[in-house]
């Protein structure tokens, strides 16, 4: 699989990385419904078998559960250890209520807890999950910088930051990577964020390139109706509700035609599309089952012609 360099670091990441949000299960506010841990582990092993060399998780996914499952999977894996990225900034209490916190004390405590759950001595990439609370950004990022100097973290990154927030963090310590949402259906980063990252040599590892499954071409109205009630997409995400859902599904039908002409899947088309931007280091693809990541991974090796990109633009606009 192709690789790209991650910003100012010496790390080369495969153009597709595995996302483990759904591995946290459904028993938390932003869960994806019931998930079998053994299936999650098989999906992780399948990703590594395809040549993917990095995995993204977060402490809050399943309130620690996704990190624990990843640790189990890596313990059973006999090959080279992948690059592991996780996140801090979202904490929970005994009643499983989630809140944002970036104080030095909290970030340090989260780092130690993630190291323990992941069974690692060093976290490869430690990211601030959200820039909240706003007035604690400097304290939180400064603490990540301290953890790097102490050898508990190799690289520091941020997620969901806008340009103004990126500038505030950059003034304290160089940002290795930004993790923003980016897909055919969510393009806000194109105007300001991607150019800023290119100018400052910040890697961009995008999440939700398949827009939570919509851009796989497999989701229908009946599929949404049958979703597990513990799946946050059904209860929270406006793209999975009318009238937005019908507008999106109409576009996807037209994208299927392009994919068929290229002898690839809509999933692979969507991944290749985000990677058309040279600023993007890698696309994080979530997978609950082995076949999902096996089917998606080839998208990281697809080149789209200028004519194809122009035709997709007409559909999206």
C-alpha atoms as a PDB file:
ATOM      1  CA  UNK A   1       0.000   0.000   0.000  1.00  0.00           C
ATOM      2  CA  UNK A   2       1.164   3.529  -0.751  1.00  0.00           C
ATOM      3  CA  UNK A   3       2.521   5.712   2.033  1.00  0.00           C
ATOM      4  CA  UNK A   4       2.844   9.443   2.611  1.00  0.00           C
ATOM      5  CA  UNK A   5       4.973  11.369   5.055  1.00  0.00           C
ATOM      6  CA  UNK A   6       3.135  12.775   8.071  1.00  0.00           C
ATOM      7  CA  UNK A   7       3.915  16.470   8.206  1.00  0.00           C
ATOM      8  CA  UNK A   8       7.232  17.467   9.759  1.00  0.00           C
ATOM      9  CA  UNK A   9       7.796  13.999  11.236  1.00  0.00           C
ATOM     10  CA  UNK A  10       9.898  11.187   9.803  1.00  0.00           C
ATOM     11  CA  UNK A  11       6.890   8.850   9.887  1.00  0.00           C
ATOM     12  CA  UNK A  12       5.399   7.435   6.703  1.00  0.00           C
ATOM     13  CA  UNK A  13       1.803   6.303   7.094  1.00  0.00           C
ATOM     14  CA  UNK A  14      -0.173   4.163   4.689  1.00  0.00           C
ATOM     15  CA  UNK A  15      -2.731   6.227   2.820  1.00  0.00           C
ATOM     16  CA  UNK A  16      -5.464   4.296   4.621  1.00  0.00           C
ATOM     17  CA  UNK A  17      -5.448   3.906   8.399  1.00  0.00           C
ATOM     18  CA  UNK A  18      -7.831   1.836  10.514  1.00  0.00           C
ATOM     19  CA  UNK A  19     -10.341   3.663  12.721  1.00  0.00           C
ATOM     20  CA  UNK A  20     -11.701   1.922  15.826  1.00  0.00           C
ATOM     21  CA  UNK A  21     -14.540   4.208  16.937  1.00  0.00           C
ATOM     22  CA  UNK A  22     -17.130   1.440  16.498  1.00  0.00           C
ATOM     23  CA  UNK A  23     -14.992  -0.997  18.508  1.00  0.00           C
ATOM     24  CA  UNK A  24     -16.078   0.871  21.623  1.00  0.00           C
ATOM     25  CA  UNK A  25     -19.530  -0.722  21.313  1.00  0.00           C
ATOM     26  CA  UNK A  26     -22.912   0.825  21.949  1.00  0.00           C
ATOM     27  CA  UNK A  27     -23.010   1.436  25.679  1.00  0.00           C
ATOM     28  CA  UNK A  28     -22.024   5.098  25.553  1.00  0.00           C
ATOM     29  CA  UNK A  29     -23.482   8.301  24.104  1.00  0.00           C
ATOM     30  CA  UNK A  30     -21.727   8.232  20.717  1.00  0.00           C
ATOM     31  CA  UNK A  31     -21.603   4.464  20.219  1.00  0.00           C
ATOM     32  CA  UNK A  32     -22.304   2.597  16.990  1.00  0.00           C
ATOM     33  CA  UNK A  33     -24.476  -0.096  18.516  1.00  0.00           C
ATOM     34  CA  UNK A  34     -23.562  -3.549  19.739  1.00  0.00           C
ATOM     35  CA  UNK A  35     -20.141  -4.803  18.660  1.00  0.00           C
ATOM     36  CA  UNK A  36     -18.481  -8.160  19.202  1.00  0.00           C
ATOM     37  CA  UNK A  37     -14.921  -7.768  20.536  1.00  0.00           C
ATOM     38  CA  UNK A  38     -13.711 -10.857  18.697  1.00  0.00           C
ATOM     39  CA  UNK A  39     -14.967  -9.369  15.423  1.00  0.00           C
ATOM     40  CA  UNK A  40     -13.168  -6.104  16.220  1.00  0.00           C
ATOM     41  CA  UNK A  41      -9.933  -8.013  16.750  1.00  0.00           C
ATOM     42  CA  UNK A  42     -10.392  -9.851  13.457  1.00  0.00           C
ATOM     43  CA  UNK A  43     -10.933  -6.502  11.723  1.00  0.00           C
ATOM     44  CA  UNK A  44      -7.713  -5.130  13.233  1.00  0.00           C
ATOM     45  CA  UNK A  45      -5.746  -8.178  12.126  1.00  0.00           C
ATOM     46  CA  UNK A  46      -7.293  -7.987   8.645  1.00  0.00           C
ATOM     47  CA  UNK A  47      -6.225  -4.331   8.360  1.00  0.00           C
ATOM     48  CA  UNK A  48      -2.650  -5.208   9.272  1.00  0.00           C
ATOM     49  CA  UNK A  49      -2.722  -8.126   6.841  1.00  0.00           C
ATOM     50  CA  UNK A  50      -3.620  -5.740   4.000  1.00  0.00           C
ATOM     51  CA  UNK A  51      -0.503  -3.691   4.754  1.00  0.00           C
ATOM     52  CA  UNK A  52      -2.096  -0.857   6.773  1.00  0.00           C
ATOM     53  CA  UNK A  53       0.584   0.362   9.182  1.00  0.00           C
ATOM     54  CA  UNK A  54      -1.310   2.581  11.571  1.00  0.00           C
ATOM     55  CA  UNK A  55      -4.406   2.538  13.772  1.00  0.00           C
ATOM     56  CA  UNK A  56      -6.403   5.378  15.284  1.00  0.00           C
ATOM     57  CA  UNK A  57      -8.375   5.130  18.510  1.00  0.00           C
ATOM     58  CA  UNK A  58      -9.408   7.376  21.419  1.00  0.00           C
ATOM     59  CA  UNK A  59      -9.851   7.039  25.146  1.00  0.00           C
ATOM     60  CA  UNK A  60     -13.512   8.002  24.920  1.00  0.00           C
ATOM     61  CA  UNK A  61     -14.447   5.324  22.370  1.00  0.00           C
ATOM     62  CA  UNK A  62     -16.513   3.007  24.534  1.00  0.00           C
ATOM     63  CA  UNK A  63     -15.133   4.849  27.576  1.00  0.00           C
ATOM     64  CA  UNK A  64     -11.803   3.060  27.381  1.00  0.00           C
ATOM     65  CA  UNK A  65     -13.074  -0.114  25.753  1.00  0.00           C
ATOM     66  CA  UNK A  66     -11.738   0.500  22.236  1.00  0.00           C
ATOM     67  CA  UNK A  67      -8.208   0.995  23.574  1.00  0.00           C
ATOM     68  CA  UNK A  68      -8.474  -2.238  25.578  1.00  0.00           C
ATOM     69  CA  UNK A  69      -9.661  -4.195  22.536  1.00  0.00           C
ATOM     70  CA  UNK A  70      -6.809  -2.773  20.451  1.00  0.00           C
ATOM     71  CA  UNK A  71      -4.309  -3.874  23.097  1.00  0.00           C
ATOM     72  CA  UNK A  72      -5.714  -7.411  22.978  1.00  0.00           C
ATOM     73  CA  UNK A  73      -5.498  -7.454  19.186  1.00  0.00           C
ATOM     74  CA  UNK A  74      -1.890  -6.270  19.142  1.00  0.00           C
ATOM     75  CA  UNK A  75      -0.909  -8.782  21.818  1.00  0.00           C
ATOM     76  CA  UNK A  76      -2.182 -11.549  19.529  1.00  0.00           C
ATOM     77  CA  UNK A  77      -0.487 -10.060  16.440  1.00  0.00           C
ATOM     78  CA  UNK A  78       2.866 -11.581  15.520  1.00  0.00           C
ATOM     79  CA  UNK A  79       3.875  -9.066  12.868  1.00  0.00           C
ATOM     80  CA  UNK A  80       5.394  -5.600  13.107  1.00  0.00           C
ATOM     81  CA  UNK A  81       3.726  -3.280  15.594  1.00  0.00           C
ATOM     82  CA  UNK A  82       1.643  -0.601  13.884  1.00  0.00           C
ATOM     83  CA  UNK A  83       1.841   3.112  14.589  1.00  0.00           C
ATOM     84  CA  UNK A  84      -0.811   3.800  17.255  1.00  0.00           C
ATOM     85  CA  UNK A  85      -2.656   7.100  17.623  1.00  0.00           C
ATOM     86  CA  UNK A  86      -5.042   7.928  20.446  1.00  0.00           C
ATOM     87  CA  UNK A  87      -6.681  11.034  21.885  1.00  0.00           C
ATOM     88  CA  UNK A  88      -7.397  12.928  25.096  1.00  0.00           C
ATOM     89  CA  UNK A  89      -9.738  15.684  26.227  1.00  0.00           C
ATOM     90  CA  UNK A  90     -13.024  13.827  26.704  1.00  0.00           C
ATOM     91  CA  UNK A  91     -13.468  12.305  30.152  1.00  0.00           C
ATOM     92  CA  UNK A  92     -16.298  10.491  31.876  1.00  0.00           C
ATOM     93  CA  UNK A  93     -17.598   9.996  35.396  1.00  0.00           C
ATOM     94  CA  UNK A  94     -18.988   6.983  37.285  1.00  0.00           C
ATOM     95  CA  UNK A  95     -22.415   7.568  35.677  1.00  0.00           C
ATOM     96  CA  UNK A  96     -20.772   7.536  32.197  1.00  0.00           C
ATOM     97  CA  UNK A  97     -21.448  11.231  31.618  1.00  0.00           C
ATOM     98  CA  UNK A  98     -18.905  12.693  29.176  1.00  0.00           C
ATOM     99  CA  UNK A  99     -17.334  16.139  29.579  1.00  0.00           C
ATOM    100  CA  UNK A 100     -14.464  18.095  28.024  1.00  0.00           C
ATOM    101  CA  UNK A 101     -11.327  18.770  30.021  1.00  0.00           C
ATOM    102  CA  UNK A 102      -7.832  19.908  28.987  1.00  0.00           C
ATOM    103  CA  UNK A 103      -6.255  20.852  32.302  1.00  0.00           C
ATOM    104  CA  UNK A 104      -2.684  19.660  32.827  1.00  0.00           C
ATOM    105  CA  UNK A 105      -3.751  17.303  35.572  1.00  0.00           C
ATOM    106  CA  UNK A 106      -6.484  15.755  33.430  1.00  0.00           C
ATOM    107  CA  UNK A 107      -4.337  15.328  30.287  1.00  0.00           C
ATOM    108  CA  UNK A 108      -1.591  13.657  32.312  1.00  0.00           C
ATOM    109  CA  UNK A 109      -4.072  11.328  33.985  1.00  0.00           C
ATOM    110  CA  UNK A 110      -5.608  10.445  30.615  1.00  0.00           C
ATOM    111  CA  UNK A 111      -2.198   9.717  29.116  1.00  0.00           C
ATOM    112  CA  UNK A 112      -1.299   7.354  31.937  1.00  0.00           C
ATOM    113  CA  UNK A 113      -4.669   5.595  31.653  1.00  0.00           C
ATOM    114  CA  UNK A 114      -4.297   5.189  27.879  1.00  0.00           C
ATOM    115  CA  UNK A 115      -0.776   3.816  28.217  1.00  0.00           C
ATOM    116  CA  UNK A 116      -2.107   1.244  30.671  1.00  0.00           C
ATOM    117  CA  UNK A 117      -5.147   0.273  28.582  1.00  0.00           C
ATOM    118  CA  UNK A 118      -3.079   0.052  25.385  1.00  0.00           C
ATOM    119  CA  UNK A 119      -0.275  -1.788  27.200  1.00  0.00           C
ATOM    120  CA  UNK A 120       2.299   0.550  25.650  1.00  0.00           C
ATOM    121  CA  UNK A 121       5.368   2.287  27.032  1.00  0.00           C
ATOM    122  CA  UNK A 122       5.040   5.166  24.542  1.00  0.00           C
ATOM    123  CA  UNK A 123       2.076   6.512  22.544  1.00  0.00           C
ATOM    124  CA  UNK A 124       3.110   7.161  18.945  1.00  0.00           C
ATOM    125  CA  UNK A 125       0.673  10.039  18.322  1.00  0.00           C
ATOM    126  CA  UNK A 126      -1.247  11.728  21.128  1.00  0.00           C
ATOM    127  CA  UNK A 127      -3.997  14.075  19.968  1.00  0.00           C
ATOM    128  CA  UNK A 128      -6.284  16.582  21.646  1.00  0.00           C
ATOM    129  CA  UNK A 129      -9.688  15.268  20.588  1.00  0.00           C
ATOM    130  CA  UNK A 130     -11.634  18.550  20.601  1.00  0.00           C
ATOM    131  CA  UNK A 131     -10.571  22.165  21.335  1.00  0.00           C
ATOM    132  CA  UNK A 132     -12.766  22.279  24.422  1.00  0.00           C
ATOM    133  CA  UNK A 133     -12.847  23.958  26.847  1.00  0.00           C
ATOM    134  CA  UNK A 134     -11.648  26.809  24.668  1.00  0.00           C
ATOM    135  CA  UNK A 135      -9.800  28.520  27.515  1.00  0.00           C
ATOM    136  CA  UNK A 136      -7.789  25.360  28.290  1.00  0.00           C
ATOM    137  CA  UNK A 137      -6.307  24.808  24.810  1.00  0.00           C
ATOM    138  CA  UNK A 138      -2.905  26.268  25.733  1.00  0.00           C
ATOM    139  CA  UNK A 139      -2.706  24.347  28.995  1.00  0.00           C
ATOM    140  CA  UNK A 140      -3.703  21.083  27.364  1.00  0.00           C
ATOM    141  CA  UNK A 141      -1.363  21.431  24.393  1.00  0.00           C
ATOM    142  CA  UNK A 142       1.480  22.557  26.621  1.00  0.00           C
ATOM    143  CA  UNK A 143       0.996  19.381  28.636  1.00  0.00           C
ATOM    144  CA  UNK A 144       1.141  17.240  25.481  1.00  0.00           C
ATOM    145  CA  UNK A 145       4.467  18.976  24.685  1.00  0.00           C
ATOM    146  CA  UNK A 146       5.740  18.087  28.163  1.00  0.00           C
ATOM    147  CA  UNK A 147       4.708  14.445  27.676  1.00  0.00           C
ATOM    148  CA  UNK A 148       6.727  14.394  24.442  1.00  0.00           C
ATOM    149  CA  UNK A 149       9.802  15.750  26.231  1.00  0.00           C
ATOM    150  CA  UNK A 150       9.336  13.143  28.964  1.00  0.00           C
ATOM    151  CA  UNK A 151       9.262  10.308  26.435  1.00  0.00           C
ATOM    152  CA  UNK A 152       5.695   9.154  27.079  1.00  0.00           C
ATOM    153  CA  UNK A 153       4.525  10.425  23.683  1.00  0.00           C
ATOM    154  CA  UNK A 154       6.430  10.502  20.372  1.00  0.00           C
ATOM    155  CA  UNK A 155       4.376  13.061  18.435  1.00  0.00           C
ATOM    156  CA  UNK A 156       1.593  15.477  19.299  1.00  0.00           C
ATOM    157  CA  UNK A 157      -1.449  16.218  17.180  1.00  0.00           C
ATOM    158  CA  UNK A 158      -4.809  17.917  17.395  1.00  0.00           C
ATOM    159  CA  UNK A 159      -8.266  17.054  16.107  1.00  0.00           C
ATOM    160  CA  UNK A 160     -11.179  19.262  15.042  1.00  0.00           C
ATOM    161  CA  UNK A 161      -9.194  22.519  15.422  1.00  0.00           C
ATOM    162  CA  UNK A 162      -9.856  25.544  13.216  1.00  0.00           C
ATOM    163  CA  UNK A 163      -7.054  27.768  11.904  1.00  0.00           C
ATOM    164  CA  UNK A 164      -7.192  30.224  14.813  1.00  0.00           C
ATOM    165  CA  UNK A 165      -6.889  27.348  17.287  1.00  0.00           C
ATOM    166  CA  UNK A 166      -4.090  25.757  15.263  1.00  0.00           C
ATOM    167  CA  UNK A 167      -2.142  29.018  15.455  1.00  0.00           C
ATOM    168  CA  UNK A 168      -2.549  29.129  19.242  1.00  0.00           C
ATOM    169  CA  UNK A 169      -1.193  25.608  19.613  1.00  0.00           C
ATOM    170  CA  UNK A 170       1.601  26.080  17.077  1.00  0.00           C
ATOM    171  CA  UNK A 171       2.920  29.027  19.081  1.00  0.00           C
ATOM    172  CA  UNK A 172       3.578  26.660  22.005  1.00  0.00           C
ATOM    173  CA  UNK A 173       4.885  23.512  20.292  1.00  0.00           C
ATOM    174  CA  UNK A 174       5.004  22.316  16.653  1.00  0.00           C
ATOM    175  CA  UNK A 175       1.895  20.395  15.612  1.00  0.00           C
ATOM    176  CA  UNK A 176       2.705  17.128  13.860  1.00  0.00           C
ATOM    177  CA  UNK A 177      -0.792  16.420  12.568  1.00  0.00           C
ATOM    178  CA  UNK A 178      -4.375  17.577  12.414  1.00  0.00           C
ATOM    179  CA  UNK A 179      -7.295  15.147  12.355  1.00  0.00           C
ATOM    180  CA  UNK A 180     -10.372  16.818  10.817  1.00  0.00           C
ATOM    181  CA  UNK A 181     -13.534  15.391   9.250  1.00  0.00           C
ATOM    182  CA  UNK A 182     -13.364  15.336   5.459  1.00  0.00           C
ATOM    183  CA  UNK A 183     -15.464  13.635   2.825  1.00  0.00           C
ATOM    184  CA  UNK A 184     -17.405  14.323  -0.359  1.00  0.00           C
ATOM    185  CA  UNK A 185     -20.259  15.402   1.919  1.00  0.00           C
ATOM    186  CA  UNK A 186     -18.248  17.468   4.402  1.00  0.00           C
ATOM    187  CA  UNK A 187     -15.704  19.779   2.785  1.00  0.00           C
ATOM    188  CA  UNK A 188     -15.245  22.663   5.213  1.00  0.00           C
ATOM    189  CA  UNK A 189     -11.474  22.155   5.552  1.00  0.00           C
ATOM    190  CA  UNK A 190     -10.716  22.910   1.900  1.00  0.00           C
ATOM    191  CA  UNK A 191     -10.822  26.679   2.016  1.00  0.00           C
ATOM    192  CA  UNK A 192      -8.545  27.575   4.952  1.00  0.00           C
ATOM    193  CA  UNK A 193      -7.422  24.550   6.943  1.00  0.00           C
ATOM    194  CA  UNK A 194      -5.744  22.471   4.227  1.00  0.00           C
ATOM    195  CA  UNK A 195      -3.735  25.432   2.869  1.00  0.00           C
ATOM    196  CA  UNK A 196      -2.620  26.368   6.410  1.00  0.00           C
ATOM    197  CA  UNK A 197      -1.482  22.813   7.111  1.00  0.00           C
ATOM    198  CA  UNK A 198       0.466  22.695   3.854  1.00  0.00           C
ATOM    199  CA  UNK A 199       2.165  26.012   4.622  1.00  0.00           C
ATOM    200  CA  UNK A 200       3.177  24.883   8.125  1.00  0.00           C
ATOM    201  CA  UNK A 201       4.092  21.276   7.258  1.00  0.00           C
ATOM    202  CA  UNK A 202       1.340  19.779   9.384  1.00  0.00           C
ATOM    203  CA  UNK A 203       0.150  16.310   8.384  1.00  0.00           C
ATOM    204  CA  UNK A 204      -3.579  15.836   7.813  1.00  0.00           C
ATOM    205  CA  UNK A 205      -5.165  12.511   8.748  1.00  0.00           C
ATOM    206  CA  UNK A 206      -8.826  12.828   7.866  1.00  0.00           C
ATOM    207  CA  UNK A 207     -11.641  10.979   9.580  1.00  0.00           C
ATOM    208  CA  UNK A 208     -15.057   9.923   8.250  1.00  0.00           C
ATOM    209  CA  UNK A 209     -14.039   9.870   4.557  1.00  0.00           C
ATOM    210  CA  UNK A 210     -17.015   7.517   4.098  1.00  0.00           C
ATOM    211  CA  UNK A 211     -19.283   9.843   6.094  1.00  0.00           C
ATOM    212  CA  UNK A 212     -20.110   7.208   8.704  1.00  0.00           C
ATOM    213  CA  UNK A 213     -20.956   4.639   6.055  1.00  0.00           C
ATOM    214  CA  UNK A 214     -23.123   6.765   3.759  1.00  0.00           C
ATOM    215  CA  UNK A 215     -20.429   6.803   1.067  1.00  0.00           C
ATOM    216  CA  UNK A 216     -20.133   3.028   0.964  1.00  0.00           C
ATOM    217  CA  UNK A 217     -23.223   2.994  -1.259  1.00  0.00           C
ATOM    218  CA  UNK A 218     -24.775   0.320   0.949  1.00  0.00           C
ATOM    219  CA  UNK A 219     -26.977   2.478   3.160  1.00  0.00           C
ATOM    220  CA  UNK A 220     -30.642   2.829   2.226  1.00  0.00           C
ATOM    221  CA  UNK A 221     -33.686   4.251   4.006  1.00  0.00           C
ATOM    222  CA  UNK A 222     -34.580   0.730   5.149  1.00  0.00           C
ATOM    223  CA  UNK A 223     -31.044   0.243   6.448  1.00  0.00           C
ATOM    224  CA  UNK A 224     -31.286   3.416   8.533  1.00  0.00           C
ATOM    225  CA  UNK A 225     -34.691   2.423   9.864  1.00  0.00           C
ATOM    226  CA  UNK A 226     -33.311  -0.954  10.962  1.00  0.00           C
ATOM    227  CA  UNK A 227     -30.260   0.514  12.726  1.00  0.00           C
ATOM    228  CA  UNK A 228     -29.646  -0.392  16.347  1.00  0.00           C
ATOM    229  CA  UNK A 229     -31.224   2.223  18.622  1.00  0.00           C
ATOM    230  CA  UNK A 230     -27.823   2.474  20.352  1.00  0.00           C
ATOM    231  CA  UNK A 231     -26.275   3.690  17.068  1.00  0.00           C
ATOM    232  CA  UNK A 232     -25.698   7.453  17.377  1.00  0.00           C
ATOM    233  CA  UNK A 233     -26.122   7.936  13.622  1.00  0.00           C
ATOM    234  CA  UNK A 234     -29.797   7.057  13.867  1.00  0.00           C
ATOM    235  CA  UNK A 235     -30.494   9.286  16.853  1.00  0.00           C
ATOM    236  CA  UNK A 236     -28.127  12.249  16.479  1.00  0.00           C
ATOM    237  CA  UNK A 237     -26.677  12.663  12.970  1.00  0.00           C
ATOM    238  CA  UNK A 238     -28.820  14.894  10.680  1.00  0.00           C
ATOM    239  CA  UNK A 239     -27.372  13.276   7.534  1.00  0.00           C
ATOM    240  CA  UNK A 240     -29.242  10.096   8.457  1.00  0.00           C
ATOM    241  CA  UNK A 241     -32.587  11.914   8.666  1.00  0.00           C
ATOM    242  CA  UNK A 242     -34.951  13.332   6.085  1.00  0.00           C
ATOM    243  CA  UNK A 243     -34.858  15.424   4.012  1.00  0.00           C
ATOM    244  CA  UNK A 244     -31.038  15.331   4.022  1.00  0.00           C
ATOM    245  CA  UNK A 245     -30.876  11.554   3.674  1.00  0.00           C
ATOM    246  CA  UNK A 246     -32.804  11.514   0.377  1.00  0.00           C
ATOM    247  CA  UNK A 247     -30.616  14.265  -1.113  1.00  0.00           C
ATOM    248  CA  UNK A 248     -27.474  12.343  -0.190  1.00  0.00           C
ATOM    249  CA  UNK A 249     -28.733   9.004  -1.489  1.00  0.00           C
ATOM    250  CA  UNK A 250     -29.548  10.616  -4.847  1.00  0.00           C
ATOM    251  CA  UNK A 251     -25.944  11.836  -5.180  1.00  0.00           C
ATOM    252  CA  UNK A 252     -24.580   8.431  -4.206  1.00  0.00           C
ATOM    253  CA  UNK A 253     -26.557   6.743  -6.975  1.00  0.00           C
ATOM    254  CA  UNK A 254     -24.784   8.995  -9.463  1.00  0.00           C
ATOM    255  CA  UNK A 255     -21.414   8.294  -7.842  1.00  0.00           C
ATOM    256  CA  UNK A 256     -22.040   4.574  -8.259  1.00  0.00           C
ATOM    257  CA  UNK A 257     -22.040   5.081 -12.020  1.00  0.00           C
ATOM    258  CA  UNK A 258     -18.580   6.660 -11.900  1.00  0.00           C
ATOM    259  CA  UNK A 259     -17.263   3.885  -9.652  1.00  0.00           C
ATOM    260  CA  UNK A 260     -18.590   1.243 -12.033  1.00  0.00           C
ATOM    261  CA  UNK A 261     -16.884   2.945 -14.979  1.00  0.00           C
ATOM    262  CA  UNK A 262     -13.582   2.777 -13.062  1.00  0.00           C
ATOM    263  CA  UNK A 263     -14.175  -0.833 -11.947  1.00  0.00           C
ATOM    264  CA  UNK A 264     -13.950   0.161  -8.285  1.00  0.00           C
ATOM    265  CA  UNK A 265     -16.456   0.451  -5.442  1.00  0.00           C
ATOM    266  CA  UNK A 266     -18.074   3.650  -4.180  1.00  0.00           C
ATOM    267  CA  UNK A 267     -16.104   3.126  -0.967  1.00  0.00           C
ATOM    268  CA  UNK A 268     -12.824   3.093  -2.871  1.00  0.00           C
ATOM    269  CA  UNK A 269     -13.920   6.105  -4.926  1.00  0.00           C
ATOM    270  CA  UNK A 270     -14.677   8.116  -1.777  1.00  0.00           C
ATOM    271  CA  UNK A 271     -11.279   7.282  -0.272  1.00  0.00           C
ATOM    272  CA  UNK A 272      -9.403   8.096  -3.485  1.00  0.00           C
ATOM    273  CA  UNK A 273     -11.293  11.397  -3.667  1.00  0.00           C
ATOM    274  CA  UNK A 274     -10.062  12.700  -0.285  1.00  0.00           C
ATOM    275  CA  UNK A 275      -6.551  11.516  -1.130  1.00  0.00           C
ATOM    276  CA  UNK A 276      -6.584  13.551  -4.359  1.00  0.00           C
ATOM    277  CA  UNK A 277      -5.506  16.451  -2.133  1.00  0.00           C
ATOM    278  CA  UNK A 278      -1.713  16.331  -1.595  1.00  0.00           C
ATOM    279  CA  UNK A 279      -2.130  17.890   1.861  1.00  0.00           C
ATOM    280  CA  UNK A 280      -3.885  14.747   3.100  1.00  0.00           C
ATOM    281  CA  UNK A 281      -1.493  12.219   4.613  1.00  0.00           C
ATOM    282  CA  UNK A 282      -3.991   9.430   5.153  1.00  0.00           C
ATOM    283  CA  UNK A 283      -7.693   8.620   5.418  1.00  0.00           C
ATOM    284  CA  UNK A 284      -8.991   6.884   8.538  1.00  0.00           C
ATOM    285  CA  UNK A 285     -11.461   4.154   7.611  1.00  0.00           C
ATOM    286  CA  UNK A 286     -13.540   2.640  10.368  1.00  0.00           C
ATOM    287  CA  UNK A 287     -14.261  -1.081  10.114  1.00  0.00           C
ATOM    288  CA  UNK A 288     -16.324  -3.346  12.322  1.00  0.00           C
ATOM    289  CA  UNK A 289     -15.592  -6.486  10.274  1.00  0.00           C
ATOM    290  CA  UNK A 290     -12.596  -7.797   8.292  1.00  0.00           C
ATOM    291  CA  UNK A 291     -14.380  -7.567   4.932  1.00  0.00           C
ATOM    292  CA  UNK A 292     -15.056  -3.860   5.444  1.00  0.00           C
ATOM    293  CA  UNK A 293     -11.409  -2.868   5.723  1.00  0.00           C
ATOM    294  CA  UNK A 294     -10.343  -5.397   3.084  1.00  0.00           C
ATOM    295  CA  UNK A 295     -12.793  -3.816   0.664  1.00  0.00           C
ATOM    296  CA  UNK A 296     -11.819  -0.249   1.531  1.00  0.00           C
ATOM    297  CA  UNK A 297      -8.033  -0.481   1.638  1.00  0.00           C
ATOM    298  CA  UNK A 298      -7.485  -0.616  -2.163  1.00  0.00           C
ATOM    299  CA  UNK A 299      -8.965   2.881  -2.373  1.00  0.00           C
ATOM    300  CA  UNK A 300      -5.663   4.175  -1.035  1.00  0.00           C
ATOM    301  CA  UNK A 301      -3.962   3.129  -4.276  1.00  0.00           C
ATOM    302  CA  UNK A 302      -6.470   4.616  -6.743  1.00  0.00           C
ATOM    303  CA  UNK A 303      -5.589   7.689  -8.830  1.00  0.00           C
ATOM    304  CA  UNK A 304      -8.471   9.778 -10.154  1.00  0.00           C
ATOM    305  CA  UNK A 305      -8.120  11.628 -13.448  1.00  0.00           C
ATOM    306  CA  UNK A 306      -8.894  15.334 -13.736  1.00  0.00           C
ATOM    307  CA  UNK A 307     -11.976  14.478 -15.799  1.00  0.00           C
ATOM    308  CA  UNK A 308     -13.262  12.105 -13.127  1.00  0.00           C
ATOM    309  CA  UNK A 309     -12.676  14.668 -10.397  1.00  0.00           C
ATOM    310  CA  UNK A 310     -14.556  17.268 -12.449  1.00  0.00           C
ATOM    311  CA  UNK A 311     -17.501  14.903 -12.945  1.00  0.00           C
ATOM    312  CA  UNK A 312     -17.639  14.181  -9.214  1.00  0.00           C
ATOM    313  CA  UNK A 313     -17.589  17.912  -8.543  1.00  0.00           C
ATOM    314  CA  UNK A 314     -20.635  18.384 -10.772  1.00  0.00           C
ATOM    315  CA  UNK A 315     -22.483  15.711  -8.821  1.00  0.00           C
ATOM    316  CA  UNK A 316     -21.564  17.128  -5.431  1.00  0.00           C
ATOM    317  CA  UNK A 317     -22.431  20.698  -6.325  1.00  0.00           C
END
